[in-house]
PDB file of N, CA and C in Angstrom:
ATOM      1  N   MET A   1      17.601 -22.771  21.552  1.00  0.00           N
ATOM      2  CA  MET A   1      17.234 -21.793  20.914  1.00  0.00           C
ATOM      3  C   MET A   1      15.841 -21.622  20.824  1.00  0.00           C
ATOM      4  N   GLU A   2      15.871 -20.530  20.762  1.00  0.00           N
ATOM      5  CA  GLU A   2      14.058 -20.121  20.411  1.00  0.00           C
ATOM      6  C   GLU A   2      13.205 -20.597  19.170  1.00  0.00           C
ATOM      7  N   PRO A   3      12.035 -21.229  19.079  1.00  0.00           N
ATOM      8  CA  PRO A   3      11.238 -21.224  17.624  1.00  0.00           C
ATOM      9  C   PRO A   3      11.426 -19.845  17.011  1.00  0.00           C
ATOM     10  N   ILE A   4      11.250 -19.682  16.134  1.00  0.00           N
ATOM     11  CA  ILE A   4      10.752 -18.644  14.676  1.00  0.00           C
ATOM     12  C   ILE A   4       9.491 -17.518  15.491  1.00  0.00           C
ATOM     13  N   SER A   5       8.421 -18.691  15.591  1.00  0.00           N
ATOM     14  CA  SER A   5       7.514 -18.585  15.676  1.00  0.00           C
ATOM     15  C   SER A   5       7.237 -17.653  16.565  1.00  0.00           C
ATOM     16  N   GLU A   6       8.010 -18.091  17.811  1.00  0.00           N
ATOM     17  CA  GLU A   6       7.956 -17.247  19.079  1.00  0.00           C
ATOM     18  C   GLU A   6       8.473 -15.586  19.021  1.00  0.00           C
ATOM     19  N   THR A   7       9.867 -15.715  18.440  1.00  0.00           N
ATOM     20  CA  THR A   7      10.849 -14.670  18.144  1.00  0.00           C
ATOM     21  C   THR A   7       8.978 -13.172  17.304  1.00  0.00           C
ATOM     22  N   LEU A   8       9.022 -13.951  16.564  1.00  0.00           N
ATOM     23  CA  LEU A   8       7.720 -13.191  15.882  1.00  0.00           C
ATOM     24  C   LEU A   8       6.610 -12.793  16.759  1.00  0.00           C
ATOM     25  N   LYS A   9       5.989 -13.725  16.986  1.00  0.00           N
ATOM     26  CA  LYS A   9       4.851 -12.704  18.399  1.00  0.00           C
ATOM     27  C   LYS A   9       5.837 -11.754  19.626  1.00  0.00           C
ATOM     28  N   ARG A  10       6.579 -11.862  19.284  1.00  0.00           N
ATOM     29  CA  ARG A  10       6.791 -11.107  20.728  1.00  0.00           C
ATOM     30  C   ARG A  10       7.335  -9.903  19.728  1.00  0.00           C
ATOM     31  N   VAL A  11       7.919  -9.824  18.663  1.00  0.00           N
ATOM     32  CA  VAL A  11       8.286  -8.751  17.814  1.00  0.00           C
ATOM     33  C   VAL A  11       6.457  -7.808  17.919  1.00  0.00           C
ATOM     34  N   VAL A  12       5.660  -8.700  17.118  1.00  0.00           N
ATOM     35  CA  VAL A  12       4.092  -8.184  17.043  1.00  0.00           C
ATOM     36  C   VAL A  12       3.690  -7.402  17.631  1.00  0.00           C
ATOM     37  N   ASN A  13       3.873  -7.928  18.482  1.00  0.00           N
ATOM     38  CA  ASN A  13       2.668  -8.218  19.812  1.00  0.00           C
ATOM     39  C   ASN A  13       3.595  -6.981  20.868  1.00  0.00           C
ATOM     40  N   ALA A  14       4.798  -6.563  20.149  1.00  0.00           N
ATOM     41  CA  ALA A  14       5.895  -5.249  20.705  1.00  0.00           C
ATOM     42  C   ALA A  14       4.932  -4.040  20.914  1.00  0.00           C
ATOM     43  N   PRO A  15       4.730  -2.759  21.646  1.00  0.00           N
ATOM     44  CA  PRO A  15       4.230  -2.009  21.646  1.00  0.00           C
ATOM     45  C   PRO A  15       4.337  -1.053  20.477  1.00  0.00           C
ATOM     46  N   ALA A  16       5.676  -0.552  20.637  1.00  0.00           N
ATOM     47  CA  ALA A  16       6.267   0.182  19.669  1.00  0.00           C
ATOM     48  C   ALA A  16       5.792  -0.368  17.849  1.00  0.00           C
ATOM     49  N   PHE A  17       5.608  -1.946  18.073  1.00  0.00           N
ATOM     50  CA  PHE A  17       5.365  -2.160  16.454  1.00  0.00           C
ATOM     51  C   PHE A  17       4.349  -2.205  16.233  1.00  0.00           C
ATOM     52  N   SER A  18       3.518  -2.102  17.321  1.00  0.00           N
ATOM     53  CA  SER A  18       2.258  -1.858  16.807  1.00  0.00           C
ATOM     54  C   SER A  18       1.575  -0.577  16.493  1.00  0.00           C
ATOM     55  N   GLU A  19       2.266   0.391  17.275  1.00  0.00           N
ATOM     56  CA  GLU A  19       1.423   1.477  17.211  1.00  0.00           C
ATOM     57  C   GLU A  19       2.325   1.980  15.622  1.00  0.00           C
ATOM     58  N   ARG A  20       3.916   1.771  14.808  1.00  0.00           N
ATOM     59  CA  ARG A  20       3.911   2.160  13.921  1.00  0.00           C
ATOM     60  C   ARG A  20       3.457   1.734  12.761  1.00  0.00           C
ATOM     61  N   TYR A  21       3.075   0.112  13.145  1.00  0.00           N
ATOM     62  CA  TYR A  21       2.229  -0.585  12.407  1.00  0.00           C
ATOM     63  C   TYR A  21       0.558   0.525  11.999  1.00  0.00           C
ATOM     64  N   GLU A  22       0.279   1.072  12.926  1.00  0.00           N
ATOM     65  CA  GLU A  22      -1.274   1.392  13.138  1.00  0.00           C
ATOM     66  C   GLU A  22      -0.858   2.976  12.311  1.00  0.00           C
ATOM     67  N   GLN A  23       0.354   3.563  12.487  1.00  0.00           N
ATOM     68  CA  GLN A  23       0.345   4.999  11.591  1.00  0.00           C
ATOM     69  C   GLN A  23       0.835   4.874  10.437  1.00  0.00           C
ATOM     70  N   MET A  24       1.628   3.447   9.848  1.00  0.00           N
ATOM     71  CA  MET A  24       1.848   3.555   8.980  1.00  0.00           C
ATOM     72  C   MET A  24       0.178   3.167   7.829  1.00  0.00           C
ATOM     73  N   ARG A  25      -0.614   2.426   8.261  1.00  0.00           N
ATOM     74  CA  ARG A  25      -1.603   1.678   8.117  1.00  0.00           C
ATOM     75  C   ARG A  25      -2.845   3.346   7.600  1.00  0.00           C
ATOM     76  N   SER A  26      -2.465   3.915   8.619  1.00  0.00           N
ATOM     77  CA  SER A  26      -3.098   5.602   8.496  1.00  0.00           C
ATOM     78  C   SER A  26      -2.929   5.798   7.567  1.00  0.00           C
ATOM     79  N   GLU A  27      -1.504   6.133   7.399  1.00  0.00           N
ATOM     80  CA  GLU A  27      -0.831   7.334   5.968  1.00  0.00           C
ATOM     81  C   GLU A  27      -0.936   6.234   4.760  1.00  0.00           C
ATOM     82  N   ILE A  28      -1.326   5.247   4.848  1.00  0.00           N
ATOM     83  CA  ILE A  28      -1.118   4.339   3.549  1.00  0.00           C
ATOM     84  C   ILE A  28      -2.926   4.688   2.998  1.00  0.00           C
ATOM     85  N   LEU A  29      -4.175   4.462   3.669  1.00  0.00           N
ATOM     86  CA  LEU A  29      -5.596   4.935   3.546  1.00  0.00           C
ATOM     87  C   LEU A  29      -5.624   5.987   3.866  1.00  0.00           C
ATOM     88  N   GLU A  30      -5.473   6.727   4.182  1.00  0.00           N
ATOM     89  CA  GLU A  30      -5.690   8.704   3.432  1.00  0.00           C
ATOM     90  C   GLU A  30      -4.702   9.061   2.202  1.00  0.00           C
ATOM     91  N   ASN A  31      -4.266   8.326   1.886  1.00  0.00           N
ATOM     92  CA  ASN A  31      -3.626   8.395   0.749  1.00  0.00           C
ATOM     93  C   ASN A  31      -4.551   8.919  -0.392  1.00  0.00           C
ATOM     94  N   GLU A  32      -4.773   9.491  -1.382  1.00  0.00           N
ATOM     95  CA  GLU A  32      -5.913  10.269  -2.098  1.00  0.00           C
ATOM     96  C   GLU A  32      -5.891   9.332  -3.570  1.00  0.00           C
ATOM     97  N   GLY A  33      -5.089   8.413  -3.725  1.00  0.00           N
ATOM     98  CA  GLY A  33      -4.920   7.612  -4.571  1.00  0.00           C
ATOM     99  C   GLY A  33      -5.708   6.315  -4.281  1.00  0.00           C
ATOM    100  N   VAL A  34      -5.435   6.063  -3.207  1.00  0.00           N
ATOM    101  CA  VAL A  34      -5.646   4.732  -2.514  1.00  0.00           C
ATOM    102  C   VAL A  34      -7.332   4.880  -2.049  1.00  0.00           C
ATOM    103  N   GLN A  35      -7.407   6.154  -1.402  1.00  0.00           N
ATOM    104  CA  GLN A  35      -8.684   6.384  -1.216  1.00  0.00           C
ATOM    105  C   GLN A  35      -9.922   6.240  -2.333  1.00  0.00           C
ATOM    106  N   ALA A  36      -9.925   7.076  -3.612  1.00  0.00           N
ATOM    107  CA  ALA A  36     -10.299   6.819  -4.348  1.00  0.00           C
ATOM    108  C   ALA A  36     -10.722   5.528  -4.809  1.00  0.00           C
ATOM    109  N   PHE A  37      -9.466   4.849  -4.775  1.00  0.00           N
ATOM    110  CA  PHE A  37      -9.925   3.324  -5.457  1.00  0.00           C
ATOM    111  C   PHE A  37     -10.710   2.526  -4.628  1.00  0.00           C
ATOM    112  N   LEU A  38     -10.555   2.851  -2.964  1.00  0.00           N
ATOM    113  CA  LEU A  38     -11.665   2.107  -1.958  1.00  0.00           C
ATOM    114  C   LEU A  38     -13.055   2.430  -2.471  1.00  0.00           C
ATOM    115  N   ALA A  39     -12.846   3.841  -2.730  1.00  0.00           N
ATOM    116  CA  ALA A  39     -14.042   4.305  -3.174  1.00  0.00           C
ATOM    117  C   ALA A  39     -14.777   3.802  -4.276  1.00  0.00           C
ATOM    118  N   GLU A  40     -14.101   3.659  -5.423  1.00  0.00           N
ATOM    119  CA  GLU A  40     -14.232   3.146  -6.409  1.00  0.00           C
ATOM    120  C   GLU A  40     -14.968   1.712  -6.764  1.00  0.00           C
ATOM    121  N   ASN A  41     -14.691   0.983  -5.355  1.00  0.00           N
ATOM    122  CA  ASN A  41     -14.641  -0.503  -5.415  1.00  0.00           C
ATOM    123  C   ASN A  41     -15.243  -0.810  -3.984  1.00  0.00           C
ATOM    124  N   SER A  42     -15.889  -0.051  -3.554  1.00  0.00           N
ATOM    125  CA  SER A  42     -16.280  -0.278  -1.992  1.00  0.00           C
ATOM    126  C   SER A  42     -17.526  -1.326  -1.658  1.00  0.00           C
ATOM    127  N   GLU A  43     -18.171  -1.870  -3.236  1.00  0.00           N
ATOM    128  CA  GLU A  43     -18.926  -2.886  -3.121  1.00  0.00           C
ATOM    129  C   GLU A  43     -18.318  -3.735  -3.238  1.00  0.00           C
ATOM    130  N   VAL A  44     -16.922  -4.014  -3.338  1.00  0.00           N
ATOM    131  CA  VAL A  44     -15.924  -5.463  -3.740  1.00  0.00           C
ATOM    132  C   VAL A  44     -15.014  -5.752  -2.202  1.00  0.00           C
ATOM    133  N   VAL A  45     -14.311  -4.071  -2.136  1.00  0.00           N
ATOM    134  CA  VAL A  45     -13.613  -4.211  -0.719  1.00  0.00           C
ATOM    135  C   VAL A  45     -14.188  -4.300   0.736  1.00  0.00           C
ATOM    136  N   ASN A  46     -13.668  -5.138   0.932  1.00  0.00           N
ATOM    137  CA  ASN A  46     -13.981  -5.033   2.980  1.00  0.00           C
ATOM    138  C   ASN A  46     -12.847  -5.107   3.750  1.00  0.00           C
ATOM    139  N   LYS A  47     -12.425  -5.147   4.879  1.00  0.00           N
ATOM    140  CA  LYS A  47     -11.460  -4.960   5.978  1.00  0.00           C
ATOM    141  C   LYS A  47     -10.246  -5.931   5.176  1.00  0.00           C
ATOM    142  N   ALA A  48     -10.963  -6.984   5.409  1.00  0.00           N
ATOM    143  CA  ALA A  48      -9.794  -8.369   5.205  1.00  0.00           C
ATOM    144  C   ALA A  48      -9.337  -7.945   3.894  1.00  0.00           C
ATOM    145  N   ILE A  49      -9.960  -8.017   2.645  1.00  0.00           N
ATOM    146  CA  ILE A  49      -9.249  -7.367   1.568  1.00  0.00           C
ATOM    147  C   ILE A  49      -8.138  -6.053   1.349  1.00  0.00           C
ATOM    148  N   VAL A  50      -8.043  -5.178   2.509  1.00  0.00           N
ATOM    149  CA  VAL A  50      -7.645  -4.293   2.829  1.00  0.00           C
ATOM    150  C   VAL A  50      -6.639  -4.466   3.294  1.00  0.00           C
ATOM    151  N   ASP A  51      -6.548  -5.307   4.465  1.00  0.00           N
ATOM    152  CA  ASP A  51      -5.986  -6.003   5.532  1.00  0.00           C
ATOM    153  C   ASP A  51      -4.600  -6.994   4.265  1.00  0.00           C
ATOM    154  N   ARG A  52      -4.980  -8.007   3.874  1.00  0.00           N
ATOM    155  CA  ARG A  52      -4.472  -8.551   3.332  1.00  0.00           C
ATOM    156  C   ARG A  52      -3.444  -7.720   2.399  1.00  0.00           C
ATOM    157  N   GLY A  53      -4.250  -6.994   1.410  1.00  0.00           N
ATOM    158  CA  GLY A  53      -3.472  -5.783   0.686  1.00  0.00           C
ATOM    159  C   GLY A  53      -2.681  -4.555   0.942  1.00  0.00           C
ATOM    160  N   LEU A  54      -2.499  -4.613   2.200  1.00  0.00           N
ATOM    161  CA  LEU A  54      -2.149  -3.107   2.579  1.00  0.00           C
ATOM    162  C   LEU A  54      -0.608  -3.032   2.134  1.00  0.00           C
ATOM    163  N   GLY A  55       0.160  -4.731   1.599  1.00  0.00           N
ATOM    164  CA  GLY A  55       1.822  -4.452   1.256  1.00  0.00           C
ATOM    165  C   GLY A  55       1.517  -3.414   0.451  1.00  0.00           C
ATOM    166  N   LYS A  56       0.288  -4.302  -0.192  1.00  0.00           N
ATOM    167  CA  LYS A  56       0.558  -3.725  -2.045  1.00  0.00           C
ATOM    168  C   LYS A  56      -0.336  -2.210  -2.558  1.00  0.00           C
ATOM    169  N   LEU A  57      -0.538  -1.714  -1.436  1.00  0.00           N
ATOM    170  CA  LEU A  57      -1.636  -0.182  -0.739  1.00  0.00           C
ATOM    171  C   LEU A  57      -0.016   0.729  -0.835  1.00  0.00           C
ATOM    172  N   TYR A  58       0.950  -0.433   0.168  1.00  0.00           N
ATOM    173  CA  TYR A  58       2.314   0.529   0.441  1.00  0.00           C
ATOM    174  C   TYR A  58       2.865   0.772  -0.602  1.00  0.00           C
ATOM    175  N   GLU A  59       3.093  -0.083  -1.234  1.00  0.00           N
ATOM    176  CA  GLU A  59       3.529  -0.304  -2.776  1.00  0.00           C
ATOM    177  C   GLU A  59       3.037   1.066  -3.425  1.00  0.00           C
ATOM    178  N   TYR A  60       2.051   1.212  -3.882  1.00  0.00           N
ATOM    179  CA  TYR A  60       1.671   2.254  -4.364  1.00  0.00           C
ATOM    180  C   TYR A  60       1.652   3.178  -3.824  1.00  0.00           C
ATOM    181  N   THR A  61       1.541   3.948  -3.028  1.00  0.00           N
ATOM    182  CA  THR A  61       1.721   5.089  -2.071  1.00  0.00           C
ATOM    183  C   THR A  61       3.374   5.702  -2.462  1.00  0.00           C
ATOM    184  N   THR A  62       3.692   4.594  -2.314  1.00  0.00           N
ATOM    185  CA  THR A  62       5.667   4.952  -2.489  1.00  0.00           C
ATOM    186  C   THR A  62       6.142   4.445  -3.807  1.00  0.00           C
ATOM    187  N   GLN A  63       5.464   4.382  -4.865  1.00  0.00           N
ATOM    188  CA  GLN A  63       5.776   4.742  -6.180  1.00  0.00           C
ATOM    189  C   GLN A  63       5.181   5.381  -7.020  1.00  0.00           C
ATOM    190  N   ASN A  64       3.854   5.929  -6.456  1.00  0.00           N
ATOM    191  CA  ASN A  64       3.137   7.229  -7.214  1.00  0.00           C
ATOM    192  C   ASN A  64       2.978   7.961  -6.699  1.00  0.00           C
ATOM    193  N   GLN A  65       4.179   8.635  -7.090  1.00  0.00           N
ATOM    194  CA  GLN A  65       4.352  10.544  -6.786  1.00  0.00           C
ATOM    195  C   GLN A  65       2.978  11.302  -8.091  1.00  0.00           C
ATOM    196  N   ASP A  66       3.399  12.303  -7.628  1.00  0.00           N
ATOM    197  CA  ASP A  66       2.272  13.426  -8.517  1.00  0.00           C
ATOM    198  C   ASP A  66       2.474  13.129  -9.585  1.00  0.00           C
ATOM    199  N   CYS A  67       2.073  12.647 -10.210  1.00  0.00           N
ATOM    200  CA  CYS A  67       2.135  12.674 -12.169  1.00  0.00           C
ATOM    201  C   CYS A  67       1.505  13.624 -12.625  1.00  0.00           C
ATOM    202  N   GLU A  68       0.826  14.386 -12.550  1.00  0.00           N
ATOM    203  CA  GLU A  68       0.829  15.665 -13.274  1.00  0.00           C
ATOM    204  C   GLU A  68       1.627  16.498 -13.604  1.00  0.00           C
ATOM    205  N   THR A  69       2.659  16.847 -12.028  1.00  0.00           N
ATOM    206  CA  THR A  69       3.421  17.395 -12.126  1.00  0.00           C
ATOM    207  C   THR A  69       4.653  17.541 -12.879  1.00  0.00           C
ATOM    208  N   CYS A  70       4.875  16.259 -13.998  1.00  0.00           N
ATOM    209  CA  CYS A  70       5.855  15.813 -13.833  1.00  0.00           C
ATOM    210  C   CYS A  70       5.731  16.602 -16.078  1.00  0.00           C
ATOM    211  N   GLU A  71       6.826  17.461 -16.205  1.00  0.00           N
ATOM    212  CA  GLU A  71       6.776  17.859 -17.259  1.00  0.00           C
ATOM    213  C   GLU A  71       7.233  16.790 -18.744  1.00  0.00           C
ATOM    214  N   SER A  72       7.915  15.412 -18.328  1.00  0.00           N
ATOM    215  CA  SER A  72       8.785  14.699 -19.375  1.00  0.00           C
ATOM    216  C   SER A  72       8.856  13.588 -17.900  1.00  0.00           C
ATOM    217  N   VAL A  73       8.962  12.354 -19.217  1.00  0.00           N
ATOM    218  CA  VAL A  73       9.665  10.908 -18.342  1.00  0.00           C
ATOM    219  C   VAL A  73      10.890  11.388 -17.935  1.00  0.00           C
ATOM    220  N   ALA A  74      11.484  11.677 -18.617  1.00  0.00           N
ATOM    221  CA  ALA A  74      13.167  12.204 -17.941  1.00  0.00           C
ATOM    222  C   ALA A  74      12.995  12.826 -16.643  1.00  0.00           C
ATOM    223  N   GLY A  75      11.818  14.052 -16.270  1.00  0.00           N
ATOM    224  CA  GLY A  75      11.631  14.617 -14.897  1.00  0.00           C
ATOM    225  C   GLY A  75      10.588  13.789 -13.700  1.00  0.00           C
ATOM    226  N   CYS A  76      10.467  12.609 -14.270  1.00  0.00           N
ATOM    227  CA  CYS A  76       9.626  11.661 -13.348  1.00  0.00           C
ATOM    228  C   CYS A  76      10.256  12.214 -12.306  1.00  0.00           C
ATOM    229  N   GLN A  77       9.046  12.127 -11.203  1.00  0.00           N
ATOM    230  CA  GLN A  77       9.525  12.017  -9.516  1.00  0.00           C
ATOM    231  C   GLN A  77       9.516  10.197  -9.166  1.00  0.00           C
ATOM    232  N   ASN A  78       8.920   9.244  -9.847  1.00  0.00           N
ATOM    233  CA  ASN A  78       8.528   7.872  -9.043  1.00  0.00           C
ATOM    234  C   ASN A  78       9.982   7.096  -9.671  1.00  0.00           C
ATOM    235  N   ILE A  79       9.798   5.938  -8.645  1.00  0.00           N
ATOM    236  CA  ILE A  79      11.102   5.249  -8.368  1.00  0.00           C
ATOM    237  C   ILE A  79      11.695   4.669 -10.008  1.00  0.00           C
ATOM    238  N   MET A  80      10.582   4.359 -10.399  1.00  0.00           N
ATOM    239  CA  MET A  80      10.807   4.046 -12.170  1.00  0.00           C
ATOM    240  C   MET A  80      10.273   4.912 -13.088  1.00  0.00           C
ATOM    241  N   LYS A  81      11.152   5.586 -14.028  1.00  0.00           N
ATOM    242  CA  LYS A  81      10.870   6.737 -14.517  1.00  0.00           C
ATOM    243  C   LYS A  81       9.716   6.063 -16.080  1.00  0.00           C
ATOM    244  N   GLY A  82       8.971   7.478 -15.237  1.00  0.00           N
ATOM    245  CA  GLY A  82       7.272   6.716 -16.645  1.00  0.00           C
ATOM    246  C   GLY A  82       6.565   5.807 -15.945  1.00  0.00           C
ATOM    247  N   TYR A  83       7.393   4.998 -14.918  1.00  0.00           N
ATOM    248  CA  TYR A  83       6.174   3.672 -14.255  1.00  0.00           C
ATOM    249  C   TYR A  83       4.607   4.512 -13.424  1.00  0.00           C
ATOM    250  N   ILE A  84       3.431   4.211 -14.224  1.00  0.00           N
ATOM    251  CA  ILE A  84       2.535   5.086 -13.412  1.00  0.00           C
ATOM    252  C   ILE A  84       1.541   3.459 -12.411  1.00  0.00           C
ATOM    253  N   PRO A  85       1.847   3.389 -11.688  1.00  0.00           N
ATOM    254  CA  PRO A  85       1.132   2.595 -10.620  1.00  0.00           C
ATOM    255  C   PRO A  85      -0.353   2.475 -11.010  1.00  0.00           C
ATOM    256  N   LYS A  86      -1.141   1.570 -10.741  1.00  0.00           N
ATOM    257  CA  LYS A  86      -2.946   1.622 -11.051  1.00  0.00           C
ATOM    258  C   LYS A  86      -2.825   0.574  -9.660  1.00  0.00           C
ATOM    259  N   ILE A  87      -3.964   0.632  -8.918  1.00  0.00           N
ATOM    260  CA  ILE A  87      -4.061  -0.345  -8.303  1.00  0.00           C
ATOM    261  C   ILE A  87      -5.671  -1.260  -8.872  1.00  0.00           C
ATOM    262  N   SER A  88      -5.510  -2.339  -8.859  1.00  0.00           N
ATOM    263  CA  SER A  88      -6.420  -3.397  -9.392  1.00  0.00           C
ATOM    264  C   SER A  88      -6.827  -4.312  -8.176  1.00  0.00           C
ATOM    265  N   ILE A  89      -8.186  -4.866  -8.690  1.00  0.00           N
ATOM    266  CA  ILE A  89      -8.272  -5.995  -7.550  1.00  0.00           C
ATOM    267  C   ILE A  89      -8.507  -7.196  -8.605  1.00  0.00           C
ATOM    268  N   VAL A  90      -7.612  -8.380  -8.460  1.00  0.00           N
ATOM    269  CA  VAL A  90      -7.667 -10.164  -8.617  1.00  0.00           C
ATOM    270  C   VAL A  90      -7.922 -10.731  -7.952  1.00  0.00           C
ATOM    271  N   ARG A  91      -9.342 -11.427  -8.505  1.00  0.00           N
ATOM    272  CA  ARG A  91      -9.841 -12.774  -7.474  1.00  0.00           C
ATOM    273  C   ARG A  91      -9.620 -12.351  -5.976  1.00  0.00           C
ATOM    274  N   ASN A  92     -10.179 -11.505  -6.045  1.00  0.00           N
ATOM    275  CA  ASN A  92     -10.279 -10.712  -4.297  1.00  0.00           C
ATOM    276  C   ASN A  92      -9.059 -10.203  -3.760  1.00  0.00           C
ATOM    277  N   VAL A  93      -8.055 -10.306  -4.394  1.00  0.00           N
ATOM    278  CA  VAL A  93      -6.591  -9.392  -3.843  1.00  0.00           C
ATOM    279  C   VAL A  93      -6.056  -8.306  -4.428  1.00  0.00           C
ATOM    280  N   ILE A  94      -5.917  -6.996  -3.929  1.00  0.00           N
ATOM    281  CA  ILE A  94      -5.672  -5.752  -4.192  1.00  0.00           C
ATOM    282  C   ILE A  94      -3.915  -6.067  -4.848  1.00  0.00           C
ATOM    283  N   ASP A  95      -4.062  -5.494  -5.974  1.00  0.00           N
ATOM    284  CA  ASP A  95      -2.458  -5.983  -6.702  1.00  0.00           C
ATOM    285  C   ASP A  95      -2.359  -4.712  -7.845  1.00  0.00           C
ATOM    286  N   ILE A  96      -0.861  -5.085  -7.926  1.00  0.00           N
ATOM    287  CA  ILE A  96      -0.932  -2.920  -8.735  1.00  0.00           C
ATOM    288  C   ILE A  96      -0.402  -3.449 -10.195  1.00  0.00           C
ATOM    289  N   PHE A  97      -0.871  -3.015 -11.006  1.00  0.00           N
ATOM    290  CA  PHE A  97      -0.213  -3.192 -12.302  1.00  0.00           C
ATOM    291  C   PHE A  97      -0.226  -1.580 -13.063  1.00  0.00           C
ATOM    292  N   GLY A  98       1.123  -1.639 -13.837  1.00  0.00           N
ATOM    293  CA  GLY A  98       1.750  -0.714 -14.310  1.00  0.00           C
ATOM    294  C   GLY A  98       1.283  -0.165 -15.977  1.00  0.00           C
ATOM    295  N   ILE A  99       1.297   1.136 -16.032  1.00  0.00           N
ATOM    296  CA  ILE A  99       0.557   1.788 -17.185  1.00  0.00           C
ATOM    297  C   ILE A  99       2.037   2.805 -17.776  1.00  0.00           C
TER     298      ILE A  99
END
């Protein structure tokens, strides 16, 4: 039986995985909200922080729809009705909190 670490290395190093990862990374970093957050925090955020926080940034992009077009909470387009995610940095780690 192959160790899990070897299996993971094989999966992560596969060209298809790398291409999908880079495509998703680009889409996340092109999001207007993410770009605004990175610009506001440019003195603190670096590539390592972004790479470690990519999962949270993805979560933000999938949960944050255009709230300005919603007429009410009942018409909210977010996964959790009325939930508005905000990105923050806590101890040099990207995190999300809701308002």
